[in-house]
C-alpha atoms as a PDB file:
ATOM      1  CA  MET A   1     -11.695 -31.112-168.954  1.00  0.00           C
ATOM      2  CA  GLN A   2      -9.304 -31.659-166.044  1.00  0.00           C
ATOM      3  CA  LYS A   3     -10.004 -29.906-162.752  1.00  0.00           C
ATOM      4  CA  ASP A   4      -6.398 -28.701-162.566  1.00  0.00           C
ATOM      5  CA  ASN A   5      -6.735 -26.846-165.868  1.00  0.00           C
ATOM      6  CA  THR A   6      -6.666 -23.068-165.479  1.00  0.00           C
ATOM      7  CA  ILE A   7      -9.829 -21.350-166.654  1.00  0.00           C
ATOM      8  CA  LEU A   8      -9.879 -17.634-167.417  1.00  0.00           C
ATOM      9  CA  VAL A   9     -13.148 -15.712-167.138  1.00  0.00           C
ATOM     10  CA  THR A  10     -13.206 -12.269-168.716  1.00  0.00           C
ATOM     11  CA  GLY A  11     -15.723  -9.898-167.178  1.00  0.00           C
ATOM     12  CA  ALA A  12     -15.443 -11.992-164.018  1.00  0.00           C
ATOM     13  CA  THR A  13     -16.845  -9.318-161.695  1.00  0.00           C
ATOM     14  CA  GLY A  14     -19.866  -8.566-163.865  1.00  0.00           C
ATOM     15  CA  PHE A  15     -23.376  -9.994-163.733  1.00  0.00           C
ATOM     16  CA  LEU A  16     -22.982 -13.212-165.734  1.00  0.00           C
ATOM     17  CA  GLY A  17     -19.244 -13.508-165.114  1.00  0.00           C
ATOM     18  CA  SER A  18     -19.644 -13.549-161.333  1.00  0.00           C
ATOM     19  CA  TYR A  19     -22.175 -16.402-161.443  1.00  0.00           C
ATOM     20  CA  LEU A  20     -19.902 -18.331-163.788  1.00  0.00           C
ATOM     21  CA  VAL A  21     -16.919 -17.836-161.456  1.00  0.00           C
ATOM     22  CA  ARG A  22     -18.987 -19.013-158.480  1.00  0.00           C
ATOM     23  CA  MET A  23     -20.099 -22.168-160.303  1.00  0.00           C
ATOM     24  CA  LEU A  24     -16.636 -23.025-161.575  1.00  0.00           C
ATOM     25  CA  HIS A  25     -15.180 -22.493-158.101  1.00  0.00           C
ATOM     26  CA  ARG A  26     -17.907 -24.655-156.557  1.00  0.00           C
ATOM     27  CA  ASP A  27     -17.154 -27.416-159.069  1.00  0.00           C
ATOM     28  CA  GLY A  28     -13.485 -27.434-158.109  1.00  0.00           C
ATOM     29  CA  TYR A  29     -11.948 -25.729-161.133  1.00  0.00           C
ATOM     30  CA  LYS A  30      -8.908 -23.464-160.923  1.00  0.00           C
ATOM     31  CA  VAL A  31     -10.322 -20.066-161.858  1.00  0.00           C
ATOM     32  CA  ARG A  32      -8.507 -16.932-162.908  1.00  0.00           C
ATOM     33  CA  GLY A  33     -10.731 -13.878-163.080  1.00  0.00           C
ATOM     34  CA  LEU A  34     -10.040 -10.926-165.332  1.00  0.00           C
ATOM     35  CA  ARG A  35     -10.955  -7.552-163.854  1.00  0.00           C
ATOM     36  CA  ARG A  36     -10.204  -3.894-164.289  1.00  0.00           C
ATOM     37  CA  ALA A  37      -8.765  -1.722-161.527  1.00  0.00           C
ATOM     38  CA  SER A  38     -12.158  -0.069-161.032  1.00  0.00           C
ATOM     39  CA  SER A  39     -14.184  -3.307-160.899  1.00  0.00           C
ATOM     40  CA  LYS A  40     -16.568  -3.759-157.970  1.00  0.00           C
ATOM     41  CA  MET A  41     -16.237  -7.097-156.201  1.00  0.00           C
ATOM     42  CA  ASP A  42     -19.653  -7.164-154.498  1.00  0.00           C
ATOM     43  CA  LEU A  43     -21.031 -10.064-156.566  1.00  0.00           C
ATOM     44  CA  LEU A  44     -18.137 -12.283-155.501  1.00  0.00           C
ATOM     45  CA  ASP A  45     -18.317 -11.503-151.806  1.00  0.00           C
ATOM     46  CA  GLY A  46     -17.306 -14.564-149.800  1.00  0.00           C
ATOM     47  CA  ILE A  47     -15.096 -16.198-152.436  1.00  0.00           C
ATOM     48  CA  GLU A  48     -13.131 -13.203-153.716  1.00  0.00           C
ATOM     49  CA  SER A  49      -9.942 -14.215-151.906  1.00  0.00           C
ATOM     50  CA  GLN A  50     -10.178 -17.775-153.263  1.00  0.00           C
ATOM     51  CA  ILE A  51      -9.959 -16.679-156.900  1.00  0.00           C
ATOM     52  CA  GLU A  52      -6.750 -15.877-158.762  1.00  0.00           C
ATOM     53  CA  TRP A  53      -7.039 -12.386-160.224  1.00  0.00           C
ATOM     54  CA  ALA A  54      -5.470 -10.741-163.252  1.00  0.00           C
ATOM     55  CA  GLU A  55      -5.926  -7.045-163.918  1.00  0.00           C
ATOM     56  CA  ALA A  56      -6.426  -6.120-167.565  1.00  0.00           C
ATOM     57  CA  ASP A  57      -8.831  -4.619-170.052  1.00  0.00           C
ATOM     58  CA  VAL A  58      -9.684  -6.733-173.103  1.00  0.00           C
ATOM     59  CA  THR A  59      -8.674  -3.780-175.283  1.00  0.00           C
ATOM     60  CA  ASP A  60      -5.156  -3.809-173.789  1.00  0.00           C
ATOM     61  CA  VAL A  61      -3.396  -6.559-175.737  1.00  0.00           C
ATOM     62  CA  ILE A  62      -0.188  -6.530-173.698  1.00  0.00           C
ATOM     63  CA  ALA A  63      -1.925  -6.820-170.332  1.00  0.00           C
ATOM     64  CA  LEU A  64      -4.387  -9.344-171.735  1.00  0.00           C
ATOM     65  CA  GLU A  65      -1.608 -11.576-173.059  1.00  0.00           C
ATOM     66  CA  GLU A  66       0.032 -11.595-169.645  1.00  0.00           C
ATOM     67  CA  ALA A  67      -3.291 -12.483-168.021  1.00  0.00           C
ATOM     68  CA  MET A  68      -3.810 -15.404-170.410  1.00  0.00           C
ATOM     69  CA  GLN A  69      -0.445 -17.054-169.805  1.00  0.00           C
ATOM     70  CA  GLY A  70      -0.839 -20.663-168.666  1.00  0.00           C
ATOM     71  CA  VAL A  71      -4.571 -20.701-169.345  1.00  0.00           C
ATOM     72  CA  ASP A  72      -6.299 -23.772-170.823  1.00  0.00           C
ATOM     73  CA  VAL A  73      -9.866 -22.511-171.391  1.00  0.00           C
ATOM     74  CA  VAL A  74     -11.316 -19.018-171.788  1.00  0.00           C
ATOM     75  CA  PHE A  75     -14.866 -17.951-171.016  1.00  0.00           C
ATOM     76  CA  HIS A  76     -15.358 -14.582-172.687  1.00  0.00           C
ATOM     77  CA  THR A  77     -18.189 -12.721-170.943  1.00  0.00           C
ATOM     78  CA  ALA A  78     -16.756  -9.191-170.950  1.00  0.00           C
ATOM     79  CA  ALA A  79     -18.891  -6.844-173.031  1.00  0.00           C
ATOM     80  CA  MET A  80     -20.456  -3.403-173.014  1.00  0.00           C
ATOM     81  CA  VAL A  81     -24.186  -2.824-173.395  1.00  0.00           C
ATOM     82  CA  SER A  82     -25.385   0.633-174.370  1.00  0.00           C
ATOM     83  CA  PHE A  83     -28.057   2.195-176.543  1.00  0.00           C
ATOM     84  CA  HIS A  84     -26.605   5.700-176.322  1.00  0.00           C
ATOM     85  CA  PRO A  85     -24.808   7.100-179.382  1.00  0.00           C
ATOM     86  CA  LYS A  86     -22.048   8.591-177.236  1.00  0.00           C
ATOM     87  CA  ASP A  87     -20.942   5.089-176.232  1.00  0.00           C
ATOM     88  CA  LEU A  88     -20.651   3.722-179.772  1.00  0.00           C
ATOM     89  CA  ARG A  89     -16.883   4.038-180.144  1.00  0.00           C
ATOM     90  CA  ARG A  90     -16.088   2.505-176.765  1.00  0.00           C
ATOM     91  CA  MET A  91     -18.674  -0.244-177.232  1.00  0.00           C
ATOM     92  CA  MET A  92     -17.174  -1.265-180.571  1.00  0.00           C
ATOM     93  CA  GLN A  93     -13.713  -1.265-179.013  1.00  0.00           C
ATOM     94  CA  VAL A  94     -14.755  -3.501-176.122  1.00  0.00           C
ATOM     95  CA  ASN A  95     -17.134  -5.822-177.939  1.00  0.00           C
ATOM     96  CA  VAL A  96     -15.430  -6.185-181.313  1.00  0.00           C
ATOM     97  CA  GLU A  97     -11.762  -5.269-180.868  1.00  0.00           C
ATOM     98  CA  GLY A  98     -11.729  -6.834-177.402  1.00  0.00           C
ATOM     99  CA  THR A  99     -13.129 -10.106-178.748  1.00  0.00           C
ATOM    100  CA  ALA A 100     -10.631 -10.051-181.617  1.00  0.00           C
ATOM    101  CA  ASN A 101      -7.842  -9.669-179.065  1.00  0.00           C
ATOM    102  CA  VAL A 102      -9.131 -12.619-177.043  1.00  0.00           C
ATOM    103  CA  VAL A 103      -9.451 -14.790-180.168  1.00  0.00           C
ATOM    104  CA  ASN A 104      -5.996 -13.872-181.463  1.00  0.00           C
ATOM    105  CA  LEU A 105      -4.357 -14.633-178.133  1.00  0.00           C
ATOM    106  CA  CYS A 106      -6.230 -17.930-177.826  1.00  0.00           C
ATOM    107  CA  LEU A 107      -4.760 -18.930-181.180  1.00  0.00           C
ATOM    108  CA  HIS A 108      -1.312 -17.620-180.282  1.00  0.00           C
ATOM    109  CA  LEU A 109      -1.180 -19.301-176.868  1.00  0.00           C
ATOM    110  CA  GLY A 110      -2.761 -22.591-177.922  1.00  0.00           C
ATOM    111  CA  ILE A 111      -5.865 -22.279-175.733  1.00  0.00           C
ATOM    112  CA  LYS A 112      -7.866 -25.523-175.774  1.00  0.00           C
ATOM    113  CA  LYS A 113     -11.304 -23.956-175.985  1.00  0.00           C
ATOM    114  CA  LEU A 114     -13.059 -20.574-176.092  1.00  0.00           C
ATOM    115  CA  VAL A 115     -16.656 -20.274-174.904  1.00  0.00           C
ATOM    116  CA  HIS A 116     -18.013 -16.916-176.045  1.00  0.00           C
ATOM    117  CA  VAL A 117     -21.076 -15.063-174.786  1.00  0.00           C
ATOM    118  CA  SER A 118     -22.887 -13.457-177.692  1.00  0.00           C
ATOM    119  CA  SER A 119     -26.542 -12.356-177.570  1.00  0.00           C
ATOM    120  CA  ILE A 120     -29.882 -12.771-179.273  1.00  0.00           C
ATOM    121  CA  ALA A 121     -29.115  -9.244-180.485  1.00  0.00           C
ATOM    122  CA  SER A 122     -26.664 -10.787-182.961  1.00  0.00           C
ATOM    123  CA  LEU A 123     -29.416 -12.790-184.668  1.00  0.00           C
ATOM    124  CA  GLY A 124     -30.926 -11.484-187.866  1.00  0.00           C
ATOM    125  CA  ARG A 125     -34.427 -10.093-187.549  1.00  0.00           C
ATOM    126  CA  SER A 126     -37.058  -8.478-189.681  1.00  0.00           C
ATOM    127  CA  LYS A 127     -40.756  -7.629-189.618  1.00  0.00           C
ATOM    128  CA  GLU A 128     -41.382 -10.696-191.753  1.00  0.00           C
ATOM    129  CA  GLN A 129     -39.469 -13.068-189.468  1.00  0.00           C
ATOM    130  CA  THR A 130     -40.383 -12.762-185.806  1.00  0.00           C
ATOM    131  CA  HIS A 131     -39.415 -16.237-184.550  1.00  0.00           C
ATOM    132  CA  LEU A 132     -35.643 -16.497-184.315  1.00  0.00           C
ATOM    133  CA  ASP A 133     -33.143 -19.288-183.709  1.00  0.00           C
ATOM    134  CA  GLU A 134     -29.554 -20.264-184.521  1.00  0.00           C
ATOM    135  CA  ASN A 135     -30.314 -20.548-188.243  1.00  0.00           C
ATOM    136  CA  THR A 136     -31.773 -17.068-188.659  1.00  0.00           C
ATOM    137  CA  LYS A 137     -29.670 -15.143-191.152  1.00  0.00           C
ATOM    138  CA  TRP A 138     -28.275 -11.765-190.133  1.00  0.00           C
ATOM    139  CA  THR A 139     -29.997  -8.748-191.626  1.00  0.00           C
ATOM    140  CA  GLN A 140     -29.240  -5.106-190.998  1.00  0.00           C
ATOM    141  CA  ASP A 141     -31.564  -2.167-191.532  1.00  0.00           C
ATOM    142  CA  LYS A 142     -32.317   1.233-189.994  1.00  0.00           C
ATOM    143  CA  GLY A 143     -33.791  -0.498-186.945  1.00  0.00           C
ATOM    144  CA  THR A 144     -30.571  -2.372-186.139  1.00  0.00           C
ATOM    145  CA  THR A 145     -29.068  -1.072-182.912  1.00  0.00           C
ATOM    146  CA  ASN A 146     -25.384  -0.329-182.514  1.00  0.00           C
ATOM    147  CA  TYR A 147     -25.290  -2.906-179.742  1.00  0.00           C
ATOM    148  CA  SER A 148     -26.678  -5.566-182.098  1.00  0.00           C
ATOM    149  CA  LEU A 149     -24.069  -4.662-184.687  1.00  0.00           C
ATOM    150  CA  SER A 150     -21.268  -4.865-182.118  1.00  0.00           C
ATOM    151  CA  LYS A 151     -22.371  -8.314-180.943  1.00  0.00           C
ATOM    152  CA  TYR A 152     -22.756  -9.580-184.498  1.00  0.00           C
ATOM    153  CA  GLN A 153     -19.284  -8.390-185.427  1.00  0.00           C
ATOM    154  CA  SER A 154     -17.776  -9.803-182.243  1.00  0.00           C
ATOM    155  CA  GLU A 155     -19.347 -13.165-183.036  1.00  0.00           C
ATOM    156  CA  GLN A 156     -17.743 -13.038-186.479  1.00  0.00           C
ATOM    157  CA  GLU A 157     -14.358 -12.721-184.796  1.00  0.00           C
ATOM    158  CA  VAL A 158     -15.045 -15.970-182.942  1.00  0.00           C
ATOM    159  CA  TRP A 159     -16.036 -17.725-186.170  1.00  0.00           C
ATOM    160  CA  ARG A 160     -12.814 -16.435-187.701  1.00  0.00           C
ATOM    161  CA  GLY A 161     -10.889 -18.001-184.846  1.00  0.00           C
ATOM    162  CA  GLN A 162     -12.719 -21.269-185.394  1.00  0.00           C
ATOM    163  CA  ALA A 163     -11.781 -21.201-189.080  1.00  0.00           C
ATOM    164  CA  GLU A 164      -8.150 -20.727-188.023  1.00  0.00           C
ATOM    165  CA  GLY A 165      -8.203 -23.793-185.781  1.00  0.00           C
ATOM    166  CA  LEU A 166      -9.589 -22.600-182.451  1.00  0.00           C
ATOM    167  CA  SER A 167     -12.145 -24.828-180.703  1.00  0.00           C
ATOM    168  CA  THR A 168     -15.121 -22.616-179.901  1.00  0.00           C
ATOM    169  CA  ALA A 169     -18.663 -22.623-178.589  1.00  0.00           C
ATOM    170  CA  ILE A 170     -21.032 -19.643-178.637  1.00  0.00           C
ATOM    171  CA  VAL A 171     -24.107 -18.953-176.533  1.00  0.00           C
ATOM    172  CA  ASN A 172     -26.739 -16.411-177.554  1.00  0.00           C
ATOM    173  CA  PRO A 173     -28.696 -15.620-174.389  1.00  0.00           C
ATOM    174  CA  SER A 174     -31.976 -13.753-174.455  1.00  0.00           C
ATOM    175  CA  ILE A 175     -32.583 -11.185-171.697  1.00  0.00           C
ATOM    176  CA  ILE A 176     -30.776 -12.581-168.656  1.00  0.00           C
ATOM    177  CA  LEU A 177     -32.668 -12.307-165.368  1.00  0.00           C
ATOM    178  CA  GLY A 178     -31.426 -12.605-161.801  1.00  0.00           C
ATOM    179  CA  SER A 179     -30.146 -10.658-158.837  1.00  0.00           C
ATOM    180  CA  GLY A 180     -27.036  -8.510-159.141  1.00  0.00           C
ATOM    181  CA  PHE A 181     -26.411  -4.788-159.038  1.00  0.00           C
ATOM    182  CA  TRP A 182     -29.868  -3.196-158.889  1.00  0.00           C
ATOM    183  CA  ASP A 183     -28.973  -0.101-160.921  1.00  0.00           C
ATOM    184  CA  ILE A 184     -27.721  -1.794-164.086  1.00  0.00           C
ATOM    185  CA  GLY A 185     -28.817  -4.514-166.462  1.00  0.00           C
ATOM    186  CA  SER A 186     -32.025  -6.474-166.116  1.00  0.00           C
ATOM    187  CA  ALA A 187     -31.994  -6.167-162.311  1.00  0.00           C
ATOM    188  CA  LYS A 188     -32.701  -2.482-162.839  1.00  0.00           C
ATOM    189  CA  LEU A 189     -36.108  -3.429-164.288  1.00  0.00           C
ATOM    190  CA  PHE A 190     -37.007  -5.121-161.011  1.00  0.00           C
ATOM    191  CA  LYS A 191     -35.972  -2.061-159.030  1.00  0.00           C
ATOM    192  CA  GLN A 192     -37.880   0.304-161.335  1.00  0.00           C
ATOM    193  CA  VAL A 193     -41.115  -1.647-160.892  1.00  0.00           C
ATOM    194  CA  PHE A 194     -40.468  -1.830-157.138  1.00  0.00           C
ATOM    195  CA  GLU A 195     -40.112   1.960-157.039  1.00  0.00           C
ATOM    196  CA  GLY A 196     -43.320   2.602-158.973  1.00  0.00           C
ATOM    197  CA  LEU A 197     -42.667   2.399-162.716  1.00  0.00           C
ATOM    198  CA  LYS A 198     -45.665   3.872-164.556  1.00  0.00           C
ATOM    199  CA  PHE A 199     -45.079   2.766-168.146  1.00  0.00           C
ATOM    200  CA  TRP A 200     -45.176  -0.629-169.831  1.00  0.00           C
ATOM    201  CA  PRO A 201     -43.978  -1.290-173.389  1.00  0.00           C
ATOM    202  CA  PRO A 202     -46.091  -3.659-175.524  1.00  0.00           C
ATOM    203  CA  GLY A 203     -43.117  -5.609-176.829  1.00  0.00           C
ATOM    204  CA  ARG A 204     -42.131  -9.203-176.144  1.00  0.00           C
ATOM    205  CA  SER A 205     -38.809 -10.991-175.842  1.00  0.00           C
ATOM    206  CA  GLY A 206     -37.130 -14.104-174.528  1.00  0.00           C
ATOM    207  CA  PHE A 207     -35.842 -14.432-170.970  1.00  0.00           C
ATOM    208  CA  VAL A 208     -33.419 -16.796-169.250  1.00  0.00           C
ATOM    209  CA  ASP A 209     -32.043 -17.342-165.740  1.00  0.00           C
ATOM    210  CA  VAL A 210     -28.452 -16.136-165.285  1.00  0.00           C
ATOM    211  CA  ARG A 211     -27.581 -19.449-163.600  1.00  0.00           C
ATOM    212  CA  ASP A 212     -28.785 -21.392-166.628  1.00  0.00           C
ATOM    213  CA  VAL A 213     -26.534 -19.381-168.927  1.00  0.00           C
ATOM    214  CA  ALA A 214     -23.512 -20.026-166.706  1.00  0.00           C
ATOM    215  CA  ARG A 215     -24.381 -23.716-166.336  1.00  0.00           C
ATOM    216  CA  SER A 216     -24.788 -24.218-170.084  1.00  0.00           C
ATOM    217  CA  MET A 217     -21.375 -22.665-170.692  1.00  0.00           C
ATOM    218  CA  ILE A 218     -19.714 -25.043-168.251  1.00  0.00           C
ATOM    219  CA  LEU A 219     -21.419 -28.010-169.918  1.00  0.00           C
ATOM    220  CA  LEU A 220     -20.198 -26.816-173.315  1.00  0.00           C
ATOM    221  CA  MET A 221     -16.676 -26.610-171.917  1.00  0.00           C
ATOM    222  CA  GLU A 222     -16.792 -30.048-170.336  1.00  0.00           C
ATOM    223  CA  GLN A 223     -18.235 -31.890-173.315  1.00  0.00           C
ATOM    224  CA  PRO A 224     -16.726 -32.512-176.780  1.00  0.00           C
ATOM    225  CA  ILE A 225     -18.997 -29.927-178.361  1.00  0.00           C
ATOM    226  CA  GLU A 226     -17.286 -27.370-180.529  1.00  0.00           C
ATOM    227  CA  ASN A 227     -17.901 -24.851-183.278  1.00  0.00           C
ATOM    228  CA  GLU A 228     -21.600 -24.588-182.410  1.00  0.00           C
ATOM    229  CA  ARG A 229     -23.850 -21.761-181.228  1.00  0.00           C
ATOM    230  CA  TYR A 230     -26.865 -22.048-178.968  1.00  0.00           C
ATOM    231  CA  VAL A 231     -29.770 -19.697-178.376  1.00  0.00           C
ATOM    232  CA  LEU A 232     -30.461 -19.713-174.630  1.00  0.00           C
ATOM    233  CA  SER A 233     -34.015 -18.676-173.811  1.00  0.00           C
ATOM    234  CA  ALA A 234     -36.301 -20.298-171.265  1.00  0.00           C
ATOM    235  CA  GLN A 235     -39.530 -18.469-172.069  1.00  0.00           C
ATOM    236  CA  ASP A 236     -40.962 -15.708-174.227  1.00  0.00           C
ATOM    237  CA  LEU A 237     -42.763 -13.044-172.188  1.00  0.00           C
ATOM    238  CA  PHE A 238     -44.503  -9.795-172.918  1.00  0.00           C
ATOM    239  CA  HIS A 239     -42.833  -6.990-170.970  1.00  0.00           C
ATOM    240  CA  ARG A 240     -46.134  -6.116-169.334  1.00  0.00           C
ATOM    241  CA  ASP A 241     -46.538  -9.650-167.996  1.00  0.00           C
ATOM    242  CA  LEU A 242     -43.030  -9.544-166.524  1.00  0.00           C
ATOM    243  CA  PHE A 243     -43.669  -6.174-164.888  1.00  0.00           C
ATOM    244  CA  ASN A 244     -46.998  -7.372-163.497  1.00  0.00           C
ATOM    245  CA  GLN A 245     -45.352 -10.443-161.966  1.00  0.00           C
ATOM    246  CA  ILE A 246     -42.677  -8.316-160.317  1.00  0.00           C
ATOM    247  CA  ALA A 247     -45.283  -5.895-158.975  1.00  0.00           C
ATOM    248  CA  ALA A 248     -47.462  -8.678-157.581  1.00  0.00           C
ATOM    249  CA  LEU A 249     -44.541 -10.432-155.885  1.00  0.00           C
ATOM    250  CA  THR A 250     -43.231  -7.242-154.284  1.00  0.00           C
ATOM    251  CA  GLY A 251     -46.610  -5.820-153.299  1.00  0.00           C
ATOM    252  CA  LYS A 252     -46.336  -2.827-155.612  1.00  0.00           C
ATOM    253  CA  LYS A 253     -48.710  -1.325-158.157  1.00  0.00           C
ATOM    254  CA  PRO A 254     -48.084  -2.505-161.730  1.00  0.00           C
ATOM    255  CA  PRO A 255     -47.336  -0.032-164.529  1.00  0.00           C
ATOM    256  CA  VAL A 256     -50.561   1.346-166.025  1.00  0.00           C
ATOM    257  CA  ILE A 257     -49.570   3.460-169.033  1.00  0.00           C
ATOM    258  CA  LYS A 258     -48.991   1.690-172.352  1.00  0.00           C
ATOM    259  CA  VAL A 259     -46.028   2.929-174.364  1.00  0.00           C
ATOM    260  CA  THR A 260     -47.430   3.485-177.851  1.00  0.00           C
ATOM    261  CA  PRO A 261     -45.121   4.061-180.819  1.00  0.00           C
ATOM    262  CA  LEU A 262     -45.991   7.770-180.665  1.00  0.00           C
ATOM    263  CA  LEU A 263     -45.275   7.963-176.941  1.00  0.00           C
ATOM    264  CA  ALA A 264     -41.957   6.164-177.438  1.00  0.00           C
ATOM    265  CA  GLU A 265     -40.905   8.691-180.088  1.00  0.00           C
ATOM    266  CA  VAL A 266     -41.910  11.606-177.865  1.00  0.00           C
ATOM    267  CA  ALA A 267     -40.166  10.127-174.831  1.00  0.00           C
ATOM    268  CA  TRP A 268     -36.738   9.693-176.365  1.00  0.00           C
ATOM    269  CA  ARG A 269     -36.864  13.162-177.898  1.00  0.00           C
ATOM    270  CA  VAL A 270     -37.729  14.709-174.545  1.00  0.00           C
ATOM    271  CA  GLU A 271     -34.876  12.825-172.892  1.00  0.00           C
ATOM    272  CA  TRP A 272     -32.515  13.891-175.678  1.00  0.00           C
ATOM    273  CA  LEU A 273     -33.464  17.528-175.117  1.00  0.00           C
ATOM    274  CA  LYS A 274     -33.011  17.233-171.341  1.00  0.00           C
ATOM    275  CA  GLU A 275     -29.557  15.784-171.889  1.00  0.00           C
ATOM    276  CA  LYS A 276     -28.573  18.601-174.235  1.00  0.00           C
ATOM    277  CA  LEU A 277     -29.931  21.380-172.039  1.00  0.00           C
ATOM    278  CA  LEU A 278     -29.313  20.037-168.542  1.00  0.00           C
ATOM    279  CA  GLY A 279     -26.699  17.333-169.022  1.00  0.00           C
ATOM    280  CA  ALA A 280     -29.039  14.755-167.471  1.00  0.00           C
ATOM    281  CA  GLU A 281     -28.473  11.095-168.249  1.00  0.00           C
ATOM    282  CA  PRO A 282     -31.394  10.018-170.494  1.00  0.00           C
ATOM    283  CA  ILE A 283     -33.826   7.450-169.136  1.00  0.00           C
ATOM    284  CA  VAL A 284     -34.457   6.244-172.670  1.00  0.00           C
ATOM    285  CA  THR A 285     -32.699   6.781-175.987  1.00  0.00           C
ATOM    286  CA  ARG A 286     -33.991   6.415-179.515  1.00  0.00           C
ATOM    287  CA  GLU A 287     -32.631   2.879-179.738  1.00  0.00           C
ATOM    288  CA  SER A 288     -33.914   1.690-176.366  1.00  0.00           C
ATOM    289  CA  ALA A 289     -37.354   3.278-176.890  1.00  0.00           C
ATOM    290  CA  ARG A 290     -37.833   1.629-180.262  1.00  0.00           C
ATOM    291  CA  SER A 291     -36.396  -1.710-179.108  1.00  0.00           C
ATOM    292  CA  SER A 292     -38.947  -1.878-176.291  1.00  0.00           C
ATOM    293  CA  LEU A 293     -41.679  -2.154-178.926  1.00  0.00           C
ATOM    294  CA  ASN A 294     -40.153  -5.192-180.647  1.00  0.00           C
ATOM    295  CA  ASN A 295     -42.122  -8.431-180.597  1.00  0.00           C
ATOM    296  CA  TYR A 296     -39.924 -11.492-181.148  1.00  0.00           C
ATOM    297  CA  THR A 297     -39.927 -15.089-179.954  1.00  0.00           C
ATOM    298  CA  TYR A 298     -36.949 -17.415-179.717  1.00  0.00           C
ATOM    299  CA  GLY A 299     -36.430 -21.107-180.399  1.00  0.00           C
ATOM    300  CA  ASN A 300     -34.553 -23.024-177.688  1.00  0.00           C
ATOM    301  CA  GLU A 301     -34.825 -26.541-179.112  1.00  0.00           C
ATOM    302  CA  LYS A 302     -31.115 -26.855-179.884  1.00  0.00           C
ATOM    303  CA  SER A 303     -30.037 -25.805-176.390  1.00  0.00           C
ATOM    304  CA  LEU A 304     -32.252 -28.475-174.843  1.00  0.00           C
ATOM    305  CA  LYS A 305     -30.131 -31.069-176.650  1.00  0.00           C
ATOM    306  CA  ILE A 306     -27.035 -30.132-174.621  1.00  0.00           C
ATOM    307  CA  PRO A 307     -26.541 -33.244-172.431  1.00  0.00           C
ATOM    308  CA  GLY A 308     -27.532 -32.520-168.832  1.00  0.00           C
ATOM    309  CA  PHE A 309     -29.070 -29.113-169.514  1.00  0.00           C
ATOM    310  CA  SER A 310     -32.539 -27.832-168.698  1.00  0.00           C
ATOM    311  CA  TYR A 311     -34.106 -24.458-167.923  1.00  0.00           C
ATOM    312  CA  THR A 312     -35.199 -22.989-164.627  1.00  0.00           C
ATOM    313  CA  PRO A 313     -38.871 -21.921-164.851  1.00  0.00           C
ATOM    314  CA  MET A 314     -39.105 -18.166-165.204  1.00  0.00           C
ATOM    315  CA  GLU A 315     -41.655 -18.015-162.392  1.00  0.00           C
ATOM    316  CA  LYS A 316     -39.008 -19.352-160.000  1.00  0.00           C
ATOM    317  CA  THR A 317     -36.312 -16.969-161.249  1.00  0.00           C
ATOM    318  CA  ILE A 318     -38.594 -13.942-160.975  1.00  0.00           C
ATOM    319  CA  ALA A 319     -39.826 -14.955-157.516  1.00  0.00           C
ATOM    320  CA  GLN A 320     -36.314 -15.494-156.139  1.00  0.00           C
ATOM    321  CA  THR A 321     -35.094 -12.217-157.597  1.00  0.00           C
ATOM    322  CA  CYS A 322     -38.072 -10.335-156.148  1.00  0.00           C
ATOM    323  CA  GLU A 323     -37.450 -11.858-152.727  1.00  0.00           C
ATOM    324  CA  GLN A 324     -33.834 -10.715-152.781  1.00  0.00           C
ATOM    325  CA  LEU A 325     -34.846  -7.290-154.094  1.00  0.00           C
ATOM    326  CA  ALA A 326     -37.175  -6.771-151.136  1.00  0.00           C
ATOM    327  CA  GLU A 327     -34.389  -7.768-148.758  1.00  0.00           C
ATOM    328  CA  ALA A 328     -31.838  -5.544-150.494  1.00  0.00           C
ATOM    329  CA  ALA A 329     -34.225  -2.575-150.362  1.00  0.00           C
ATOM    330  CA  GLN A 330     -33.948  -2.656-146.568  1.00  0.00           C
ATOM    331  CA  GLU A 331     -30.182  -2.163-146.885  1.00  0.00           C
ATOM    332  CA  GLY A 332     -30.002   0.528-149.546  1.00  0.00           C
ATOM    333  CA  PHE A 333     -30.275  -1.867-152.488  1.00  0.00           C
ATOM    334  CA  THR A 334     -27.096  -3.757-151.807  1.00  0.00           C
ATOM    335  CA  ALA A 335     -26.000  -6.264-154.462  1.00  0.00           C
ATOM    336  CA  ARG A 336     -27.371  -9.794-154.259  1.00  0.00           C
ATOM    337  CA  VAL A 337     -26.618 -13.175-155.856  1.00  0.00           C
ATOM    338  CA  LEU A 338     -29.211 -15.908-156.440  1.00  0.00           C
ATOM    339  CA  PRO A 339     -28.589 -19.287-154.773  1.00  0.00           C
ATOM    340  CA  ILE A 340     -26.181 -21.369-156.838  1.00  0.00           C
END
């Protein structure tokens, strides 16, 4: 890929998107960031003025087409994550219709390559199959979250584009860790433990450094790898172990109350009632409460075959994030970015 090629990053001001923009800019690429009018620019402080910006929503085809004019490569990171039923319609619009719009315009405009951010949520899973990788077949049952369904369907749009001649690569990150906005995403977990979280769910999942996800995407763009998907997961961790590490590194007390299946069911019902009666935003929903009990592991063997790629140890990622959290706490939890 030539350095003078124009690269569009959707979701450029978000958690993963901002790290990707920083890395591409550092490497000398011409970057165009896609943002909405309401997007916060905190995660790109220091380089914001050095990036070309286009204002559009991925659900707005006309504005999106204008933003993609003259672009050679697209990194599609824009997505919505929610486990609340009220967000279902908007989430499907952003994740599925938005991805379809990106794919269609890539085909229409002759984009050289699309690198799409999917999720481990789009992998099939069942009680009988708890170790998942790129070959796991999709299954859907009553435990499938709306978010999982949206990411699966969005990934199908990318495969459709590939079948129609678009060069693609897909990454399926596990839970992405790193500094960012402390009130959303995985960074919120760090803040909750820092502020005295009492409960720990018994589930387990995969985790990966946000910088590793961004770096793998750039490698997939630069190399003649196409029409492949890669699970990105550095390490499987029990949630309790993660919370205990955060607590130890920040000098806080670790959570002490185990979330049993019964407690999870009670919790989301209480939060549902509070929302109905008081209009309070629920701390947990039915989907998030039940998902916290899941116990899955993830195979990363294929990703380790990407030339030049390796994983940052989770201990390092967690330690660096905790250090920045402690610093940010002194300033009202201002946004932070891990060293690139």
